[in-house]
Amino acid sequence: MDLNLLKAFDVVMNTRSVNEAAVSLGVSAPAVSHTLNRLREQYQDPLFIRQGRGIVPTNFAIELHAEIQEPLIRLLNGAKSRQAFDPSTSQ
């Protein structure tokens, strides 16, 4: 699985908006929509349903988010610390 799919899913879950997620991720709204479509196909679930002017997660999306949130944070934070590693200053 592409970690970027889960990262985008996490941001959409937190913002409840494809447009806000796109701004946060620094990509276009169609790119976020494409990412969600890939996840929808993979999990065979709509993940989000339009309600009024916004979107709400399906029950499956809520469960998925609860399962991936902590591991995703660890993975993303681990990747950040790896990029900031400087062997000349490491003890």
PDB file of N, CA and C in Angstrom:
ATOM      1  N   MET A   1       0.837  -1.191   0.000  1.00  0.00           N
ATOM      2  CA  MET A   1       0.000   0.000   0.000  1.00  0.00           C
ATOM      3  C   MET A   1       0.874   1.244   0.000  1.00  0.00           C
ATOM      4  N   ASP A   2       0.432   2.235  -0.703  1.00  0.00           N
ATOM      5  CA  ASP A   2       1.115   3.518  -0.779  1.00  0.00           C
ATOM      6  C   ASP A   2       0.782   4.325   0.482  1.00  0.00           C
ATOM      7  N   LEU A   3       1.789   4.658   1.259  1.00  0.00           N
ATOM      8  CA  LEU A   3       1.599   5.409   2.491  1.00  0.00           C
ATOM      9  C   LEU A   3       0.952   6.769   2.240  1.00  0.00           C
ATOM     10  N   ASN A   4       1.191   7.348   1.085  1.00  0.00           N
ATOM     11  CA  ASN A   4       0.589   8.646   0.752  1.00  0.00           C
ATOM     12  C   ASN A   4      -0.937   8.566   0.682  1.00  0.00           C
ATOM     13  N   LEU A   5      -1.474   7.409   0.326  1.00  0.00           N
ATOM     14  CA  LEU A   5      -2.930   7.244   0.303  1.00  0.00           C
ATOM     15  C   LEU A   5      -3.485   7.392   1.715  1.00  0.00           C
ATOM     16  N   LEU A   6      -2.837   6.739   2.658  1.00  0.00           N
ATOM     17  CA  LEU A   6      -3.304   6.812   4.045  1.00  0.00           C
ATOM     18  C   LEU A   6      -3.075   8.187   4.654  1.00  0.00           C
ATOM     19  N   LYS A   7      -1.998   8.829   4.258  1.00  0.00           N
ATOM     20  CA  LYS A   7      -1.733  10.181   4.751  1.00  0.00           C
ATOM     21  C   LYS A   7      -2.835  11.137   4.278  1.00  0.00           C
ATOM     22  N   ALA A   8      -3.192  11.047   3.010  1.00  0.00           N
ATOM     23  CA  ALA A   8      -4.258  11.901   2.474  1.00  0.00           C
ATOM     24  C   ALA A   8      -5.591  11.566   3.137  1.00  0.00           C
ATOM     25  N   PHE A   9      -5.868  10.291   3.326  1.00  0.00           N
ATOM     26  CA  PHE A   9      -7.092   9.867   3.992  1.00  0.00           C
ATOM     27  C   PHE A   9      -7.160  10.453   5.402  1.00  0.00           C
ATOM     28  N   ASP A  10      -6.060  10.416   6.120  1.00  0.00           N
ATOM     29  CA  ASP A  10      -5.995  10.961   7.476  1.00  0.00           C
ATOM     30  C   ASP A  10      -6.311  12.456   7.488  1.00  0.00           C
ATOM     31  N   VAL A  11      -5.762  13.199   6.545  1.00  0.00           N
ATOM     32  CA  VAL A  11      -6.005  14.642   6.490  1.00  0.00           C
ATOM     33  C   VAL A  11      -7.468  14.922   6.143  1.00  0.00           C
ATOM     34  N   VAL A  12      -8.035  14.161   5.222  1.00  0.00           N
ATOM     35  CA  VAL A  12      -9.448  14.350   4.889  1.00  0.00           C
ATOM     36  C   VAL A  12     -10.315  14.013   6.102  1.00  0.00           C
ATOM     37  N   MET A  13      -9.969  12.967   6.822  1.00  0.00           N
ATOM     38  CA  MET A  13     -10.729  12.624   8.028  1.00  0.00           C
ATOM     39  C   MET A  13     -10.673  13.763   9.047  1.00  0.00           C
ATOM     40  N   ASN A  14      -9.532  14.363   9.203  1.00  0.00           N
ATOM     41  CA  ASN A  14      -9.370  15.428  10.192  1.00  0.00           C
ATOM     42  C   ASN A  14     -10.029  16.741   9.773  1.00  0.00           C
ATOM     43  N   THR A  15     -10.025  17.030   8.487  1.00  0.00           N
ATOM     44  CA  THR A  15     -10.585  18.297   8.004  1.00  0.00           C
ATOM     45  C   THR A  15     -12.032  18.163   7.554  1.00  0.00           C
ATOM     46  N   ARG A  16     -12.440  16.936   7.202  1.00  0.00           N
ATOM     47  CA  ARG A  16     -13.770  16.671   6.639  1.00  0.00           C
ATOM     48  C   ARG A  16     -14.004  17.492   5.377  1.00  0.00           C
ATOM     49  N   SER A  17     -12.896  17.732   4.642  1.00  0.00           N
ATOM     50  CA  SER A  17     -12.982  18.530   3.424  1.00  0.00           C
ATOM     51  C   SER A  17     -11.866  18.133   2.456  1.00  0.00           C
ATOM     52  N   VAL A  18     -12.243  17.839   1.226  1.00  0.00           N
ATOM     53  CA  VAL A  18     -11.243  17.521   0.205  1.00  0.00           C
ATOM     54  C   VAL A  18     -10.425  18.769  -0.114  1.00  0.00           C
ATOM     55  N   ASN A  19     -11.080  19.932  -0.202  1.00  0.00           N
ATOM     56  CA  ASN A  19     -10.365  21.167  -0.532  1.00  0.00           C
ATOM     57  C   ASN A  19      -9.368  21.550   0.557  1.00  0.00           C
ATOM     58  N   GLU A  20      -9.791  21.484   1.821  1.00  0.00           N
ATOM     59  CA  GLU A  20      -8.871  21.820   2.909  1.00  0.00           C
ATOM     60  C   GLU A  20      -7.734  20.812   2.996  1.00  0.00           C
ATOM     61  N   ALA A  21      -8.034  19.553   2.753  1.00  0.00           N
ATOM     62  CA  ALA A  21      -6.991  18.533   2.755  1.00  0.00           C
ATOM     63  C   ALA A  21      -5.970  18.818   1.651  1.00  0.00           C
ATOM     64  N   ALA A  22      -6.451  19.224   0.487  1.00  0.00           N
ATOM     65  CA  ALA A  22      -5.559  19.533  -0.631  1.00  0.00           C
ATOM     66  C   ALA A  22      -4.619  20.677  -0.273  1.00  0.00           C
ATOM     67  N   VAL A  23      -5.157  21.715   0.345  1.00  0.00           N
ATOM     68  CA  VAL A  23      -4.317  22.849   0.756  1.00  0.00           C
ATOM     69  C   VAL A  23      -3.278  22.389   1.773  1.00  0.00           C
ATOM     70  N   SER A  24      -3.707  21.612   2.744  1.00  0.00           N
ATOM     71  CA  SER A  24      -2.807  21.123   3.778  1.00  0.00           C
ATOM     72  C   SER A  24      -1.691  20.246   3.209  1.00  0.00           C
ATOM     73  N   LEU A  25      -2.034  19.439   2.209  1.00  0.00           N
ATOM     74  CA  LEU A  25      -1.062  18.520   1.605  1.00  0.00           C
ATOM     75  C   LEU A  25      -0.235  19.172   0.493  1.00  0.00           C
ATOM     76  N   GLY A  26      -0.657  20.359   0.062  1.00  0.00           N
ATOM     77  CA  GLY A  26       0.069  21.041  -1.011  1.00  0.00           C
ATOM     78  C   GLY A  26      -0.161  20.428  -2.383  1.00  0.00           C
ATOM     79  N   VAL A  27      -1.358  19.877  -2.579  1.00  0.00           N
ATOM     80  CA  VAL A  27      -1.710  19.287  -3.868  1.00  0.00           C
ATOM     81  C   VAL A  27      -3.073  19.843  -4.289  1.00  0.00           C
ATOM     82  N   SER A  28      -3.530  19.453  -5.463  1.00  0.00           N
ATOM     83  CA  SER A  28      -4.833  19.928  -5.943  1.00  0.00           C
ATOM     84  C   SER A  28      -5.960  19.080  -5.359  1.00  0.00           C
ATOM     85  N   ALA A  29      -7.151  19.659  -5.337  1.00  0.00           N
ATOM     86  CA  ALA A  29      -8.329  18.917  -4.875  1.00  0.00           C
ATOM     87  C   ALA A  29      -8.592  17.682  -5.746  1.00  0.00           C
ATOM     88  N   PRO A  30      -8.439  17.772  -7.078  1.00  0.00           N
ATOM     89  CA  PRO A  30      -8.608  16.558  -7.886  1.00  0.00           C
ATOM     90  C   PRO A  30      -7.601  15.455  -7.525  1.00  0.00           C
ATOM     91  N   ALA A  31      -6.400  15.842  -7.114  1.00  0.00           N
ATOM     92  CA  ALA A  31      -5.411  14.837  -6.710  1.00  0.00           C
ATOM     93  C   ALA A  31      -5.873  14.116  -5.446  1.00  0.00           C
ATOM     94  N   VAL A  32      -6.448  14.856  -4.512  1.00  0.00           N
ATOM     95  CA  VAL A  32      -6.967  14.234  -3.286  1.00  0.00           C
ATOM     96  C   VAL A  32      -8.155  13.336  -3.633  1.00  0.00           C
ATOM     97  N   SER A  33      -9.019  13.795  -4.516  1.00  0.00           N
ATOM     98  CA  SER A  33     -10.160  12.979  -4.947  1.00  0.00           C
ATOM     99  C   SER A  33      -9.694  11.687  -5.603  1.00  0.00           C
ATOM    100  N   HIS A  34      -8.671  11.780  -6.424  1.00  0.00           N
ATOM    101  CA  HIS A  34      -8.106  10.587  -7.072  1.00  0.00           C
ATOM    102  C   HIS A  34      -7.564   9.618  -6.016  1.00  0.00           C
ATOM    103  N   THR A  35      -6.893  10.161  -5.016  1.00  0.00           N
ATOM    104  CA  THR A  35      -6.359   9.337  -3.937  1.00  0.00           C
ATOM    105  C   THR A  35      -7.495   8.616  -3.212  1.00  0.00           C
ATOM    106  N   LEU A  36      -8.549   9.346  -2.894  1.00  0.00           N
ATOM    107  CA  LEU A  36      -9.694   8.729  -2.223  1.00  0.00           C
ATOM    108  C   LEU A  36     -10.336   7.658  -3.097  1.00  0.00           C
ATOM    109  N   ASN A  37     -10.388   7.890  -4.407  1.00  0.00           N
ATOM    110  CA  ASN A  37     -10.942   6.883  -5.318  1.00  0.00           C
ATOM    111  C   ASN A  37     -10.117   5.606  -5.290  1.00  0.00           C
ATOM    112  N   ARG A  38      -8.808   5.734  -5.218  1.00  0.00           N
ATOM    113  CA  ARG A  38      -7.945   4.547  -5.135  1.00  0.00           C
ATOM    114  C   ARG A  38      -8.217   3.774  -3.846  1.00  0.00           C
ATOM    115  N   LEU A  39      -8.397   4.499  -2.747  1.00  0.00           N
ATOM    116  CA  LEU A  39      -8.717   3.834  -1.478  1.00  0.00           C
ATOM    117  C   LEU A  39     -10.105   3.204  -1.516  1.00  0.00           C
ATOM    118  N   ARG A  40     -11.050   3.882  -2.142  1.00  0.00           N
ATOM    119  CA  ARG A  40     -12.411   3.336  -2.260  1.00  0.00           C
ATOM    120  C   ARG A  40     -12.384   2.000  -3.002  1.00  0.00           C
ATOM    121  N   GLU A  41     -11.626   1.946  -4.077  1.00  0.00           N
ATOM    122  CA  GLU A  41     -11.497   0.706  -4.840  1.00  0.00           C
ATOM    123  C   GLU A  41     -10.828  -0.374  -4.009  1.00  0.00           C
ATOM    124  N   GLN A  42      -9.793  -0.017  -3.299  1.00  0.00           N
ATOM    125  CA  GLN A  42      -9.052  -0.992  -2.514  1.00  0.00           C
ATOM    126  C   GLN A  42      -9.913  -1.576  -1.389  1.00  0.00           C
ATOM    127  N   TYR A  43     -10.666  -0.722  -0.699  1.00  0.00           N
ATOM    128  CA  TYR A  43     -11.449  -1.173   0.441  1.00  0.00           C
ATOM    129  C   TYR A  43     -12.905  -1.487   0.105  1.00  0.00           C
ATOM    130  N   GLN A  44     -13.310  -1.232  -1.134  1.00  0.00           N
ATOM    131  CA  GLN A  44     -14.690  -1.487  -1.553  1.00  0.00           C
ATOM    132  C   GLN A  44     -15.695  -0.801  -0.611  1.00  0.00           C
ATOM    133  N   ASP A  45     -15.422   0.482  -0.336  1.00  0.00           N
ATOM    134  CA  ASP A  45     -16.287   1.278   0.530  1.00  0.00           C
ATOM    135  C   ASP A  45     -16.228   2.719   0.034  1.00  0.00           C
ATOM    136  N   PRO A  46     -17.335   3.460   0.101  1.00  0.00           N
ATOM    137  CA  PRO A  46     -17.311   4.853  -0.365  1.00  0.00           C
ATOM    138  C   PRO A  46     -16.465   5.780   0.510  1.00  0.00           C
ATOM    139  N   LEU A  47     -16.185   5.406   1.750  1.00  0.00           N
ATOM    140  CA  LEU A  47     -15.372   6.143   2.718  1.00  0.00           C
ATOM    141  C   LEU A  47     -16.008   7.448   3.188  1.00  0.00           C
ATOM    142  N   PHE A  48     -16.508   8.263   2.268  1.00  0.00           N
ATOM    143  CA  PHE A  48     -17.146   9.530   2.626  1.00  0.00           C
ATOM    144  C   PHE A  48     -18.428   9.687   1.830  1.00  0.00           C
ATOM    145  N   ILE A  49     -19.404  10.314   2.456  1.00  0.00           N
ATOM    146  CA  ILE A  49     -20.690  10.558   1.811  1.00  0.00           C
ATOM    147  C   ILE A  49     -20.971  12.052   1.897  1.00  0.00           C
ATOM    148  N   ARG A  50     -21.438  12.614   0.794  1.00  0.00           N
ATOM    149  CA  ARG A  50     -21.776  14.044   0.789  1.00  0.00           C
ATOM    150  C   ARG A  50     -22.965  14.291   1.708  1.00  0.00           C
ATOM    151  N   GLN A  51     -22.836  15.351   2.485  1.00  0.00           N
ATOM    152  CA  GLN A  51     -23.934  15.759   3.354  1.00  0.00           C
ATOM    153  C   GLN A  51     -23.940  17.279   3.385  1.00  0.00           C
ATOM    154  N   GLY A  52     -24.975  17.860   2.815  1.00  0.00           N
ATOM    155  CA  GLY A  52     -25.020  19.309   2.710  1.00  0.00           C
ATOM    156  C   GLY A  52     -23.871  19.785   1.826  1.00  0.00           C
ATOM    157  N   ARG A  53     -23.077  20.703   2.362  1.00  0.00           N
ATOM    158  CA  ARG A  53     -21.932  21.222   1.602  1.00  0.00           C
ATOM    159  C   ARG A  53     -20.634  20.506   1.956  1.00  0.00           C
ATOM    160  N   GLY A  54     -20.711  19.523   2.852  1.00  0.00           N
ATOM    161  CA  GLY A  54     -19.508  18.828   3.286  1.00  0.00           C
ATOM    162  C   GLY A  54     -19.588  17.332   3.052  1.00  0.00           C
ATOM    163  N   ILE A  55     -18.696  16.620   3.713  1.00  0.00           N
ATOM    164  CA  ILE A  55     -18.665  15.165   3.620  1.00  0.00           C
ATOM    165  C   ILE A  55     -18.604  14.596   5.034  1.00  0.00           C
ATOM    166  N   VAL A  56     -19.147  13.396   5.171  1.00  0.00           N
ATOM    167  CA  VAL A  56     -19.073  12.681   6.440  1.00  0.00           C
ATOM    168  C   VAL A  56     -18.515  11.287   6.162  1.00  0.00           C
ATOM    169  N   PRO A  57     -17.711  10.765   7.081  1.00  0.00           N
ATOM    170  CA  PRO A  57     -17.128   9.439   6.866  1.00  0.00           C
ATOM    171  C   PRO A  57     -18.159   8.337   7.079  1.00  0.00           C
ATOM    172  N   THR A  58     -17.968   7.249   6.373  1.00  0.00           N
ATOM    173  CA  THR A  58     -18.780   6.056   6.602  1.00  0.00           C
ATOM    174  C   THR A  58     -18.298   5.399   7.895  1.00  0.00           C
ATOM    175  N   ASN A  59     -19.057   4.448   8.382  1.00  0.00           N
ATOM    176  CA  ASN A  59     -18.638   3.712   9.575  1.00  0.00           C
ATOM    177  C   ASN A  59     -17.307   3.006   9.337  1.00  0.00           C
ATOM    178  N   PHE A  60     -17.138   2.455   8.133  1.00  0.00           N
ATOM    179  CA  PHE A  60     -15.878   1.786   7.815  1.00  0.00           C
ATOM    180  C   PHE A  60     -14.714   2.776   7.864  1.00  0.00           C
ATOM    181  N   ALA A  61     -14.913   3.982   7.334  1.00  0.00           N
ATOM    182  CA  ALA A  61     -13.850   4.990   7.339  1.00  0.00           C
ATOM    183  C   ALA A  61     -13.474   5.364   8.767  1.00  0.00           C
ATOM    184  N   ILE A  62     -14.452   5.470   9.641  1.00  0.00           N
ATOM    185  CA  ILE A  62     -14.179   5.795  11.043  1.00  0.00           C
ATOM    186  C   ILE A  62     -13.354   4.686  11.678  1.00  0.00           C
ATOM    187  N   GLU A  63     -13.725   3.438  11.421  1.00  0.00           N
ATOM    188  CA  GLU A  63     -12.977   2.299  11.968  1.00  0.00           C
ATOM    189  C   GLU A  63     -11.561   2.234  11.387  1.00  0.00           C
ATOM    190  N   LEU A  64     -11.455   2.443  10.088  1.00  0.00           N
ATOM    191  CA  LEU A  64     -10.138   2.423   9.434  1.00  0.00           C
ATOM    192  C   LEU A  64      -9.243   3.507  10.010  1.00  0.00           C
ATOM    193  N   HIS A  65      -9.783   4.692  10.172  1.00  0.00           N
ATOM    194  CA  HIS A  65      -8.990   5.803  10.702  1.00  0.00           C
ATOM    195  C   HIS A  65      -8.497   5.490  12.106  1.00  0.00           C
ATOM    196  N   ALA A  66      -9.349   4.905  12.927  1.00  0.00           N
ATOM    197  CA  ALA A  66      -8.948   4.542  14.292  1.00  0.00           C
ATOM    198  C   ALA A  66      -7.805   3.528  14.275  1.00  0.00           C
ATOM    199  N   GLU A  67      -7.819   2.617  13.315  1.00  0.00           N
ATOM    200  CA  GLU A  67      -6.783   1.590  13.223  1.00  0.00           C
ATOM    201  C   GLU A  67      -5.455   2.129  12.704  1.00  0.00           C
ATOM    202  N   ILE A  68      -5.504   3.064  11.779  1.00  0.00           N
ATOM    203  CA  ILE A  68      -4.264   3.516  11.133  1.00  0.00           C
ATOM    204  C   ILE A  68      -3.665   4.758  11.756  1.00  0.00           C
ATOM    205  N   GLN A  69      -4.431   5.488  12.553  1.00  0.00           N
ATOM    206  CA  GLN A  69      -3.976   6.793  13.021  1.00  0.00           C
ATOM    207  C   GLN A  69      -2.651   6.715  13.791  1.00  0.00           C
ATOM    208  N   GLU A  70      -2.570   5.891  14.808  1.00  0.00           N
ATOM    209  CA  GLU A  70      -1.338   5.822  15.604  1.00  0.00           C
ATOM    210  C   GLU A  70      -0.147   5.299  14.794  1.00  0.00           C
ATOM    211  N   PRO A  71      -0.298   4.176  14.065  1.00  0.00           N
ATOM    212  CA  PRO A  71       0.847   3.723  13.259  1.00  0.00           C
ATOM    213  C   PRO A  71       1.279   4.748  12.203  1.00  0.00           C
ATOM    214  N   LEU A  72       0.309   5.442  11.611  1.00  0.00           N
ATOM    215  CA  LEU A  72       0.636   6.442  10.594  1.00  0.00           C
ATOM    216  C   LEU A  72       1.442   7.578  11.197  1.00  0.00           C
ATOM    217  N   ILE A  73       1.042   8.051  12.365  1.00  0.00           N
ATOM    218  CA  ILE A  73       1.779   9.121  13.040  1.00  0.00           C
ATOM    219  C   ILE A  73       3.202   8.667  13.332  1.00  0.00           C
ATOM    220  N   ARG A  74       3.352   7.446  13.802  1.00  0.00           N
ATOM    221  CA  ARG A  74       4.704   6.925  14.091  1.00  0.00           C
ATOM    222  C   ARG A  74       5.565   6.846  12.832  1.00  0.00           C
ATOM    223  N   LEU A  75       4.959   6.358  11.760  1.00  0.00           N
ATOM    224  CA  LEU A  75       5.705   6.254  10.505  1.00  0.00           C
ATOM    225  C   LEU A  75       6.115   7.620   9.978  1.00  0.00           C
ATOM    226  N   LEU A  76       5.172   8.562   9.987  1.00  0.00           N
ATOM    227  CA  LEU A  76       5.476   9.895   9.460  1.00  0.00           C
ATOM    228  C   LEU A  76       6.493  10.620  10.328  1.00  0.00           C
ATOM    229  N   ASN A  77       6.381  10.505  11.633  1.00  0.00           N
ATOM    230  CA  ASN A  77       7.347  11.141  12.527  1.00  0.00           C
ATOM    231  C   ASN A  77       8.710  10.472  12.417  1.00  0.00           C
ATOM    232  N   GLY A  78       8.724   9.168  12.227  1.00  0.00           N
ATOM    233  CA  GLY A  78       9.980   8.457  12.046  1.00  0.00           C
ATOM    234  C   GLY A  78      10.695   8.895  10.782  1.00  0.00           C
ATOM    235  N   ALA A  79       9.924   9.116   9.726  1.00  0.00           N
ATOM    236  CA  ALA A  79      10.506   9.578   8.467  1.00  0.00           C
ATOM    237  C   ALA A  79      11.082  10.979   8.626  1.00  0.00           C
ATOM    238  N   LYS A  80      10.419  11.829   9.402  1.00  0.00           N
ATOM    239  CA  LYS A  80      10.917  13.192   9.619  1.00  0.00           C
ATOM    240  C   LYS A  80      12.222  13.172  10.409  1.00  0.00           C
ATOM    241  N   SER A  81      12.277  12.341  11.439  1.00  0.00           N
ATOM    242  CA  SER A  81      13.498  12.304  12.250  1.00  0.00           C
ATOM    243  C   SER A  81      14.654  11.731  11.443  1.00  0.00           C
ATOM    244  N   ARG A  82      14.374  10.820  10.539  1.00  0.00           N
ATOM    245  CA  ARG A  82      15.408  10.242   9.680  1.00  0.00           C
ATOM    246  C   ARG A  82      15.979  11.305   8.752  1.00  0.00           C
ATOM    247  N   GLN A  83      15.139  12.175   8.230  1.00  0.00           N
ATOM    248  CA  GLN A  83      15.606  13.211   7.320  1.00  0.00           C
ATOM    249  C   GLN A  83      16.447  14.248   8.056  1.00  0.00           C
ATOM    250  N   ALA A  84      16.182  14.444   9.343  1.00  0.00           N
ATOM    251  CA  ALA A  84      16.905  15.469  10.091  1.00  0.00           C
ATOM    252  C   ALA A  84      18.184  14.916  10.723  1.00  0.00           C
ATOM    253  N   PHE A  85      18.493  13.641  10.541  1.00  0.00           N
ATOM    254  CA  PHE A  85      19.663  13.046  11.143  1.00  0.00           C
ATOM    255  C   PHE A  85      20.947  13.635  10.549  1.00  0.00           C
ATOM    256  N   ASP A  86      21.845  14.072  11.419  1.00  0.00           N
ATOM    257  CA  ASP A  86      23.137  14.610  11.005  1.00  0.00           C
ATOM    258  C   ASP A  86      24.222  13.819  11.735  1.00  0.00           C
ATOM    259  N   PRO A  87      24.918  12.916  11.036  1.00  0.00           N
ATOM    260  CA  PRO A  87      25.905  12.066  11.699  1.00  0.00           C
ATOM    261  C   PRO A  87      27.038  12.838  12.371  1.00  0.00           C
ATOM    262  N   SER A  88      27.352  14.011  11.897  1.00  0.00           N
ATOM    263  CA  SER A  88      28.452  14.781  12.509  1.00  0.00           C
ATOM    264  C   SER A  88      28.099  15.306  13.885  1.00  0.00           C
ATOM    265  N   THR A  89      26.805  15.431  14.175  1.00  0.00           N
ATOM    266  CA  THR A  89      26.396  15.915  15.493  1.00  0.00           C
ATOM    267  C   THR A  89      25.804  14.814  16.368  1.00  0.00           C
ATOM    268  N   SER A  90      25.707  13.608  15.829  1.00  0.00           N
ATOM    269  CA  SER A  90      25.126  12.510  16.573  1.00  0.00           C
ATOM    270  C   SER A  90      26.137  11.935  17.565  1.00  0.00           C
ATOM    271  N   GLN A  91      25.622  11.493  18.705  1.00  0.00           N
ATOM    272  CA  GLN A  91      26.490  10.857  19.696  1.00  0.00           C
ATOM    273  C   GLN A  91      26.237   9.392  19.688  1.00  0.00           C
TER     274      GLN A  91
END
